[in-house]
C-alpha atoms as a PDB file:
ATOM      1  CA  MET A   1       0.103   0.094   0.010  1.00  0.00           C
ATOM      2  CA  LYS A   2       1.276   3.295  -1.135  1.00  0.00           C
ATOM      3  CA  SER A   3       1.832   6.249   1.566  1.00  0.00           C
ATOM      4  CA  GLN A   4      -0.348   8.961   1.719  1.00  0.00           C
ATOM      5  CA  PHE A   5       2.670  11.261   0.817  1.00  0.00           C
ATOM      6  CA  ILE A   6       3.071   9.263  -2.322  1.00  0.00           C
ATOM      7  CA  GLN A   7      -0.511   9.200  -3.098  1.00  0.00           C
ATOM      8  CA  ASP A   8      -0.445  13.038  -2.857  1.00  0.00           C
ATOM      9  CA  LEU A   9       2.691  13.069  -5.383  1.00  0.00           C
ATOM     10  CA  GLN A  10       0.739  11.183  -7.830  1.00  0.00           C
ATOM     11  CA  ALA A  11      -2.700  12.646  -7.546  1.00  0.00           C
ATOM     12  CA  PRO A  12      -4.107  14.922 -10.268  1.00  0.00           C
ATOM     13  CA  ALA A  13      -3.914  18.821  -9.816  1.00  0.00           C
ATOM     14  CA  ASP A  14      -6.641  21.058 -10.883  1.00  0.00           C
ATOM     15  CA  PRO A  15      -6.074  21.843 -14.534  1.00  0.00           C
ATOM     16  CA  ASP A  16      -6.819  25.660 -14.475  1.00  0.00           C
ATOM     17  CA  ARG A  17      -4.791  26.049 -11.317  1.00  0.00           C
ATOM     18  CA  PHE A  18      -1.833  24.141 -12.671  1.00  0.00           C
ATOM     19  CA  LEU A  19      -1.940  26.074 -16.143  1.00  0.00           C
ATOM     20  CA  ALA A  20      -1.658  29.451 -13.768  1.00  0.00           C
ATOM     21  CA  MET A  21       1.032  27.880 -11.461  1.00  0.00           C
ATOM     22  CA  THR A  22       3.174  27.126 -14.787  1.00  0.00           C
ATOM     23  CA  GLN A  23       2.749  30.779 -15.973  1.00  0.00           C
ATOM     24  CA  VAL A  24       3.947  31.693 -12.395  1.00  0.00           C
ATOM     25  CA  TYR A  25       6.668  29.636 -12.453  1.00  0.00           C
ATOM     26  CA  GLN A  26       7.892  30.867 -15.803  1.00  0.00           C
ATOM     27  CA  ARG A  27       7.645  34.551 -14.734  1.00  0.00           C
ATOM     28  CA  ALA A  28       9.588  34.041 -11.563  1.00  0.00           C
ATOM     29  CA  ALA A  29      12.275  31.675 -13.165  1.00  0.00           C
ATOM     30  CA  SER A  30      13.925  34.533 -15.057  1.00  0.00           C
ATOM     31  CA  VAL A  31      13.924  37.080 -11.800  1.00  0.00           C
ATOM     32  CA  PRO A  32      17.073  36.691  -9.758  1.00  0.00           C
ATOM     33  CA  LEU A  33      16.638  35.942  -6.171  1.00  0.00           C
ATOM     34  CA  PRO A  34      17.824  38.467  -3.902  1.00  0.00           C
ATOM     35  CA  LYS A  35      20.963  38.302  -2.527  1.00  0.00           C
ATOM     36  CA  PRO A  36      21.075  36.209   1.082  1.00  0.00           C
ATOM     37  CA  SER A  37      21.774  38.239   4.181  1.00  0.00           C
ATOM     38  CA  GLY A  38      22.839  36.503   7.011  1.00  0.00           C
ATOM     39  CA  PRO A  39      24.206  33.012   7.770  1.00  0.00           C
ATOM     40  CA  GLY A  40      22.202  29.778   7.316  1.00  0.00           C
ATOM     41  CA  LEU A  41      20.767  27.843   4.284  1.00  0.00           C
ATOM     42  CA  HIS A  42      19.979  29.682   1.124  1.00  0.00           C
ATOM     43  CA  LEU A  43      18.670  28.622  -2.182  1.00  0.00           C
ATOM     44  CA  SER A  44      21.080  28.567  -5.209  1.00  0.00           C
ATOM     45  CA  ASP A  45      20.053  31.501  -7.587  1.00  0.00           C
ATOM     46  CA  MET A  46      18.722  29.053 -10.519  1.00  0.00           C
ATOM     47  CA  PRO A  47      15.617  29.119 -12.665  1.00  0.00           C
ATOM     48  CA  ILE A  48      14.118  25.993 -11.016  1.00  0.00           C
ATOM     49  CA  ASN A  49      14.577  27.174  -7.674  1.00  0.00           C
ATOM     50  CA  ARG A  50      13.032  30.752  -8.529  1.00  0.00           C
ATOM     51  CA  GLY A  51      10.017  29.116 -10.032  1.00  0.00           C
ATOM     52  CA  MET A  52       9.342  26.861  -7.454  1.00  0.00           C
ATOM     53  CA  GLN A  53       9.671  29.406  -4.919  1.00  0.00           C
ATOM     54  CA  ALA A  54       7.237  31.544  -6.386  1.00  0.00           C
ATOM     55  CA  VAL A  55       4.537  28.591  -6.920  1.00  0.00           C
ATOM     56  CA  VAL A  56       4.755  27.571  -3.232  1.00  0.00           C
ATOM     57  CA  GLY A  57       4.316  31.469  -2.352  1.00  0.00           C
ATOM     58  CA  ALA A  58       1.480  31.685  -4.568  1.00  0.00           C
ATOM     59  CA  MET A  59      -0.207  28.478  -3.660  1.00  0.00           C
ATOM     60  CA  ARG A  60       0.159  29.133   0.305  1.00  0.00           C
ATOM     61  CA  LYS A  61      -1.114  32.666  -0.415  1.00  0.00           C
ATOM     62  CA  HIS A  62      -4.015  31.367  -2.150  1.00  0.00           C
ATOM     63  CA  GLY A  63      -4.901  28.990   0.479  1.00  0.00           C
ATOM     64  CA  ASP A  64      -4.185  25.933  -1.435  1.00  0.00           C
ATOM     65  CA  SER A  65      -3.968  22.397   0.478  1.00  0.00           C
ATOM     66  CA  GLU A  66      -0.521  20.853   0.895  1.00  0.00           C
ATOM     67  CA  GLN A  67      -1.733  17.742  -1.354  1.00  0.00           C
ATOM     68  CA  ALA A  68      -2.478  20.194  -4.032  1.00  0.00           C
ATOM     69  CA  LEU A  69       0.821  21.772  -3.710  1.00  0.00           C
ATOM     70  CA  ARG A  70       2.582  18.488  -3.581  1.00  0.00           C
ATOM     71  CA  ALA A  71       0.874  17.256  -6.775  1.00  0.00           C
ATOM     72  CA  THR A  72       1.536  20.578  -8.425  1.00  0.00           C
ATOM     73  CA  MET A  73       5.037  20.381  -7.647  1.00  0.00           C
ATOM     74  CA  MET A  74       5.563  16.799  -8.728  1.00  0.00           C
ATOM     75  CA  ARG A  75       3.972  17.434 -12.000  1.00  0.00           C
ATOM     76  CA  MET A  76       5.984  20.505 -12.797  1.00  0.00           C
ATOM     77  CA  MET A  77       9.222  18.791 -11.689  1.00  0.00           C
ATOM     78  CA  HIS A  78       8.705  16.149 -14.576  1.00  0.00           C
ATOM     79  CA  MET A  79       7.473  18.347 -17.291  1.00  0.00           C
ATOM     80  CA  ASP A  80      10.846  18.026 -19.014  1.00  0.00           C
ATOM     81  CA  GLU A  81       9.361  14.605 -20.064  1.00  0.00           C
ATOM     82  CA  ILE A  82       6.803  16.040 -22.051  1.00  0.00           C
ATOM     83  CA  PHE A  83       9.251  18.786 -23.780  1.00  0.00           C
ATOM     84  CA  GLU A  84      11.833  15.591 -24.385  1.00  0.00           C
ATOM     85  CA  ALA A  85       9.051  13.753 -26.127  1.00  0.00           C
ATOM     86  CA  ARG A  86       7.477  16.621 -27.891  1.00  0.00           C
ATOM     87  CA  ASP A  87       7.345  14.531 -31.401  1.00  0.00           C
ATOM     88  CA  HIS A  88       4.801  12.297 -29.440  1.00  0.00           C
ATOM     89  CA  PHE A  89       2.379  15.614 -28.866  1.00  0.00           C
ATOM     90  CA  GLY A  90       2.345  16.793 -32.462  1.00  0.00           C
ATOM     91  CA  ASP A  91       1.198  20.434 -32.864  1.00  0.00           C
ATOM     92  CA  TYR A  92       0.777  20.780 -29.095  1.00  0.00           C
ATOM     93  CA  ILE A  93       4.304  21.750 -28.843  1.00  0.00           C
ATOM     94  CA  ARG A  94       5.798  23.546 -31.370  1.00  0.00           C
ATOM     95  CA  PRO A  95       9.046  25.923 -32.061  1.00  0.00           C
ATOM     96  CA  GLY A  96       8.525  29.540 -30.658  1.00  0.00           C
ATOM     97  CA  MET A  97       8.315  32.657 -32.556  1.00  0.00           C
ATOM     98  CA  ASP A  98      11.789  33.816 -31.884  1.00  0.00           C
ATOM     99  CA  ASP A  99      15.384  32.609 -32.866  1.00  0.00           C
ATOM    100  CA  GLU A 100      16.330  31.791 -29.271  1.00  0.00           C
ATOM    101  CA  GLY A 101      14.837  28.132 -29.131  1.00  0.00           C
ATOM    102  CA  SER A 102      11.741  28.903 -27.283  1.00  0.00           C
ATOM    103  CA  ILE A 103       8.703  26.612 -27.891  1.00  0.00           C
ATOM    104  CA  GLU A 104       5.088  27.389 -27.582  1.00  0.00           C
ATOM    105  CA  VAL A 105       3.159  24.992 -25.674  1.00  0.00           C
ATOM    106  CA  ALA A 106      -0.625  24.777 -26.030  1.00  0.00           C
ATOM    107  CA  ASP A 107      -2.744  25.340 -22.733  1.00  0.00           C
ATOM    108  CA  VAL A 108      -4.711  22.088 -23.332  1.00  0.00           C
ATOM    109  CA  LEU A 109      -1.381  20.064 -23.094  1.00  0.00           C
ATOM    110  CA  MET A 110      -0.583  21.972 -19.925  1.00  0.00           C
ATOM    111  CA  LYS A 111      -3.967  21.102 -18.352  1.00  0.00           C
ATOM    112  CA  ALA A 112      -3.485  17.406 -19.505  1.00  0.00           C
ATOM    113  CA  VAL A 113      -0.238  17.426 -17.527  1.00  0.00           C
ATOM    114  CA  ALA A 114      -2.150  18.370 -14.462  1.00  0.00           C
ATOM    115  CA  VAL A 115      -4.466  15.390 -14.481  1.00  0.00           C
ATOM    116  CA  ALA A 116      -2.530  12.283 -16.516  1.00  0.00           C
ATOM    117  CA  ARG A 117      -1.229   9.410 -14.801  1.00  0.00           C
ATOM    118  CA  ILE A 118       2.131   9.430 -13.144  1.00  0.00           C
ATOM    119  CA  LEU A 119       3.582   6.005 -12.815  1.00  0.00           C
ATOM    120  CA  PRO A 120       6.155   4.604 -10.676  1.00  0.00           C
ATOM    121  CA  LEU A 121       9.850   4.005 -12.247  1.00  0.00           C
ATOM    122  CA  GLY A 122      12.314   2.632  -9.927  1.00  0.00           C
ATOM    123  CA  GLU A 123      12.953   4.992  -7.377  1.00  0.00           C
ATOM    124  CA  GLY A 124      11.070   7.808  -9.179  1.00  0.00           C
ATOM    125  CA  ALA A 125       8.180   8.405 -11.377  1.00  0.00           C
ATOM    126  CA  CYS A 126       7.400   9.339 -14.947  1.00  0.00           C
ATOM    127  CA  PHE A 127       4.418  10.473 -16.849  1.00  0.00           C
ATOM    128  CA  ASP A 128       2.338   8.031 -18.880  1.00  0.00           C
ATOM    129  CA  LEU A 129       2.838   9.917 -21.930  1.00  0.00           C
ATOM    130  CA  ALA A 130      -0.172   8.204 -23.883  1.00  0.00           C
ATOM    131  CA  ASP A 131      -2.669   9.183 -20.965  1.00  0.00           C
ATOM    132  CA  VAL A 132      -1.075  12.915 -21.610  1.00  0.00           C
ATOM    133  CA  LEU A 133      -2.024  12.748 -25.114  1.00  0.00           C
ATOM    134  CA  VAL A 134      -5.344  11.336 -24.634  1.00  0.00           C
ATOM    135  CA  HIS A 135      -6.101  14.180 -22.032  1.00  0.00           C
ATOM    136  CA  ALA A 136      -4.727  16.923 -24.088  1.00  0.00           C
ATOM    137  CA  GLN A 137      -6.992  15.635 -26.829  1.00  0.00           C
ATOM    138  CA  ARG A 138     -10.001  15.847 -24.573  1.00  0.00           C
ATOM    139  CA  PHE A 139      -9.286  19.376 -23.307  1.00  0.00           C
ATOM    140  CA  ASP A 140      -8.598  20.520 -26.983  1.00  0.00           C
ATOM    141  CA  ALA A 141     -12.158  18.677 -27.984  1.00  0.00           C
ATOM    142  CA  ALA A 142     -13.958  20.508 -25.071  1.00  0.00           C
ATOM    143  CA  ASP A 143     -12.379  23.904 -25.928  1.00  0.00           C
ATOM    144  CA  ASN A 144     -12.714  23.647 -29.817  1.00  0.00           C
ATOM    145  CA  PRO A 145     -15.558  21.326 -30.430  1.00  0.00           C
ATOM    146  CA  ALA A 146     -15.764  22.202 -34.333  1.00  0.00           C
ATOM    147  CA  ALA A 147     -12.265  23.705 -34.913  1.00  0.00           C
ATOM    148  CA  PRO A 148      -8.806  21.765 -35.756  1.00  0.00           C
ATOM    149  CA  SER A 149      -6.160  21.605 -32.906  1.00  0.00           C
ATOM    150  CA  ASP A 150      -4.836  25.020 -32.500  1.00  0.00           C
ATOM    151  CA  SER A 151      -5.475  25.801 -28.854  1.00  0.00           C
ATOM    152  CA  SER A 152      -4.078  29.114 -27.352  1.00  0.00           C
ATOM    153  CA  ARG A 153      -0.481  28.494 -26.588  1.00  0.00           C
ATOM    154  CA  ALA A 154       2.220  29.890 -24.142  1.00  0.00           C
ATOM    155  CA  GLU A 155       5.989  30.688 -25.218  1.00  0.00           C
ATOM    156  CA  VAL A 156       8.347  28.983 -23.023  1.00  0.00           C
END
């Protein structure tokens, strides 16, 4: 039987809240942390730490549960799996408009990441990529019942 902590990590997140938190993460990741003052342990000033610190702050300020926070952070920590498998997701991930290697990611794909299955993998975990795609298609169909897949996109 899985512990409650592990169940929390694998639990789905609210799709709209997750999408909002990915935007909080993205904005914060590019803003340097303030210089540490005084002795003690301090986060290294790197994008993942900046982004996750902002997400934790935003979720706690909003009053989100610790379970929701753990589920959101777990999914954010594993989003690189989605970007590494971009060919699997067709037009939900495409090159950005600039020349700096950015990508555009459909909002429906980010919402799918919020609810897709997370599978145990050795000592860690990974997304069920087929499940992510099924959910992306479901969100896309709900958002655009008569239109081809061209959801709103966020540039990363």
